Amino acid sequence: MARRRKLRIKWFRLAMFAVAGYFIYLLVGQHGQLNAIEAESKAAQQRLEQVTKLNSTLTEEKKQLNNPTYVEKLAREELGLVKPGEVPYIPAKN
């Protein structure tokens, strides 16, 4: 009878170790998922900051496009437009 009791205790310990091992496995898996979600959140936050900066620069440029002198400057520099009677100056390329 004593031997049977020892055998029962060994099976109980083995079952408890198996259950504890399973819970540790779940804990490690969830920790890995949590780290992945945190990294994704940080990347999304950085992307949001970049897009916010871009949005503010585009808003400023939009405000400047309502200014006729800025529009004239852009037309002269980027499109090479001139006023009537002006002679365009085009530098020679080396």
C-alpha atoms as a PDB file:
ATOM      1  CA  MET A   1       0.000   0.000   0.000  1.00  0.00           C
ATOM      2  CA  ALA A   2       2.857   2.349   0.765  1.00  0.00           C
ATOM      3  CA  ARG A   3       4.319   1.729  -2.667  1.00  0.00           C
ATOM      4  CA  ARG A   4       1.026   2.536  -4.338  1.00  0.00           C
ATOM      5  CA  ARG A   5       0.814   5.825  -2.461  1.00  0.00           C
ATOM      6  CA  LYS A   6       4.337   6.813  -3.567  1.00  0.00           C
ATOM      7  CA  LEU A   7       3.438   5.997  -7.156  1.00  0.00           C
ATOM      8  CA  ARG A   8       0.299   8.115  -6.925  1.00  0.00           C
ATOM      9  CA  ILE A   9       2.305  11.048  -5.538  1.00  0.00           C
ATOM     10  CA  LYS A  10       4.816  10.772  -8.378  1.00  0.00           C
ATOM     11  CA  TRP A  11       2.044  10.888 -10.982  1.00  0.00           C
ATOM     12  CA  PHE A  12       0.514  13.886  -9.215  1.00  0.00           C
ATOM     13  CA  ARG A  13       3.861  15.714  -9.236  1.00  0.00           C
ATOM     14  CA  LEU A  14       4.366  14.863 -12.889  1.00  0.00           C
ATOM     15  CA  ALA A  15       0.915  16.199 -13.725  1.00  0.00           C
ATOM     16  CA  MET A  16       1.580  19.391 -11.754  1.00  0.00           C
ATOM     17  CA  PHE A  17       4.906  19.924 -13.543  1.00  0.00           C
ATOM     18  CA  ALA A  18       3.163  19.413 -16.876  1.00  0.00           C
ATOM     19  CA  VAL A  19       0.473  21.959 -16.006  1.00  0.00           C
ATOM     20  CA  ALA A  20       3.061  24.439 -14.726  1.00  0.00           C
ATOM     21  CA  GLY A  21       5.139  23.938 -17.885  1.00  0.00           C
ATOM     22  CA  TYR A  22       2.094  24.581 -20.051  1.00  0.00           C
ATOM     23  CA  PHE A  23       1.304  27.828 -18.210  1.00  0.00           C
ATOM     24  CA  ILE A  24       4.918  28.971 -18.535  1.00  0.00           C
ATOM     25  CA  TYR A  25       4.753  28.205 -22.268  1.00  0.00           C
ATOM     26  CA  LEU A  26       1.591  30.315 -22.570  1.00  0.00           C
ATOM     27  CA  LEU A  27       3.160  33.136 -20.586  1.00  0.00           C
ATOM     28  CA  VAL A  28       6.262  33.247 -22.786  1.00  0.00           C
ATOM     29  CA  GLY A  29       4.120  33.169 -25.940  1.00  0.00           C
ATOM     30  CA  GLN A  30       1.957  36.027 -24.746  1.00  0.00           C
ATOM     31  CA  HIS A  31       5.023  38.015 -23.765  1.00  0.00           C
ATOM     32  CA  GLY A  32       6.372  37.628 -27.304  1.00  0.00           C
ATOM     33  CA  GLN A  33       3.071  38.771 -28.772  1.00  0.00           C
ATOM     34  CA  LEU A  34       3.040  41.753 -26.434  1.00  0.00           C
ATOM     35  CA  ASN A  35       6.547  42.750 -27.544  1.00  0.00           C
ATOM     36  CA  ALA A  36       5.495  42.513 -31.202  1.00  0.00           C
ATOM     37  CA  ILE A  37       2.456  44.690 -30.562  1.00  0.00           C
ATOM     38  CA  GLU A  38       4.593  47.261 -28.722  1.00  0.00           C
ATOM     39  CA  ALA A  39       7.052  47.436 -31.619  1.00  0.00           C
ATOM     40  CA  GLU A  40       4.201  47.865 -34.077  1.00  0.00           C
ATOM     41  CA  SER A  41       2.725  50.614 -31.908  1.00  0.00           C
ATOM     42  CA  LYS A  42       6.041  52.481 -31.794  1.00  0.00           C
ATOM     43  CA  ALA A  43       6.387  52.240 -35.579  1.00  0.00           C
ATOM     44  CA  ALA A  44       2.859  53.558 -36.031  1.00  0.00           C
ATOM     45  CA  GLN A  45       3.589  56.428 -33.626  1.00  0.00           C
ATOM     46  CA  GLN A  46       6.729  57.382 -35.581  1.00  0.00           C
ATOM     47  CA  ARG A  47       4.795  57.245 -38.855  1.00  0.00           C
ATOM     48  CA  LEU A  48       2.103  59.453 -37.324  1.00  0.00           C
ATOM     49  CA  GLU A  49       4.717  62.029 -36.294  1.00  0.00           C
ATOM     50  CA  GLN A  50       6.207  62.042 -39.811  1.00  0.00           C
ATOM     51  CA  VAL A  51       2.814  62.474 -41.433  1.00  0.00           C
ATOM     52  CA  THR A  52       1.910  65.240 -38.984  1.00  0.00           C
ATOM     53  CA  LYS A  53       5.102  67.136 -39.886  1.00  0.00           C
ATOM     54  CA  LEU A  54       4.401  66.671 -43.582  1.00  0.00           C
ATOM     55  CA  ASN A  55       0.849  67.888 -43.071  1.00  0.00           C
ATOM     56  CA  SER A  56       2.040  71.055 -41.320  1.00  0.00           C
ATOM     57  CA  THR A  57       4.551  71.859 -44.095  1.00  0.00           C
ATOM     58  CA  LEU A  58       1.917  71.310 -46.770  1.00  0.00           C
ATOM     59  CA  THR A  59      -0.522  73.523 -44.873  1.00  0.00           C
ATOM     60  CA  GLU A  60       2.079  76.286 -44.736  1.00  0.00           C
ATOM     61  CA  GLU A  61       2.738  75.929 -48.460  1.00  0.00           C
ATOM     62  CA  LYS A  62      -0.993  76.073 -49.131  1.00  0.00           C
ATOM     63  CA  LYS A  63      -1.183  79.344 -47.188  1.00  0.00           C
ATOM     64  CA  GLN A  64       1.740  80.735 -49.202  1.00  0.00           C
ATOM     65  CA  LEU A  65       0.032  79.852 -52.493  1.00  0.00           C
ATOM     66  CA  ASN A  66      -2.598  82.493 -51.704  1.00  0.00           C
ATOM     67  CA  ASN A  67       0.171  85.132 -51.752  1.00  0.00           C
ATOM     68  CA  PRO A  68       0.589  86.563 -55.313  1.00  0.00           C
ATOM     69  CA  THR A  69       4.284  87.382 -54.829  1.00  0.00           C
ATOM     70  CA  TYR A  70       5.046  83.780 -53.845  1.00  0.00           C
ATOM     71  CA  VAL A  71       3.134  82.461 -56.860  1.00  0.00           C
ATOM     72  CA  GLU A  72       5.065  84.867 -59.111  1.00  0.00           C
ATOM     73  CA  LYS A  73       8.354  83.698 -57.593  1.00  0.00           C
ATOM     74  CA  LEU A  74       7.440  80.053 -58.238  1.00  0.00           C
ATOM     75  CA  ALA A  75       6.399  80.824 -61.817  1.00  0.00           C
ATOM     76  CA  ARG A  76       9.685  82.592 -62.520  1.00  0.00           C
ATOM     77  CA  GLU A  77      11.941  79.996 -60.858  1.00  0.00           C
ATOM     78  CA  GLU A  78      10.262  76.711 -61.768  1.00  0.00           C
ATOM     79  CA  LEU A  79       8.508  77.505 -65.037  1.00  0.00           C
ATOM     80  CA  GLY A  80      10.862  80.172 -66.424  1.00  0.00           C
ATOM     81  CA  LEU A  81       8.035  82.651 -67.050  1.00  0.00           C
ATOM     82  CA  VAL A  82       8.780  86.359 -67.608  1.00  0.00           C
ATOM     83  CA  LYS A  83       6.721  89.541 -67.646  1.00  0.00           C
ATOM     84  CA  PRO A  84       5.963  91.200 -70.974  1.00  0.00           C
ATOM     85  CA  GLY A  85       8.967  93.264 -72.079  1.00  0.00           C
ATOM     86  CA  GLU A  86      11.504  91.362 -69.975  1.00  0.00           C
ATOM     87  CA  VAL A  87      14.324  89.409 -71.528  1.00  0.00           C
ATOM     88  CA  PRO A  88      14.784  85.950 -70.000  1.00  0.00           C
ATOM     89  CA  TYR A  89      18.264  85.099 -68.809  1.00  0.00           C
ATOM     90  CA  ILE A  90      19.151  81.460 -69.329  1.00  0.00           C
ATOM     91  CA  PRO A  91      22.636  80.489 -68.074  1.00  0.00           C
ATOM     92  CA  ALA A  92      24.674  78.266 -70.345  1.00  0.00           C
ATOM     93  CA  LYS A  93      25.270  74.741 -69.100  1.00  0.00           C
ATOM     94  CA  ASN A  94      28.902  73.687 -68.691  1.00  0.00           C
END
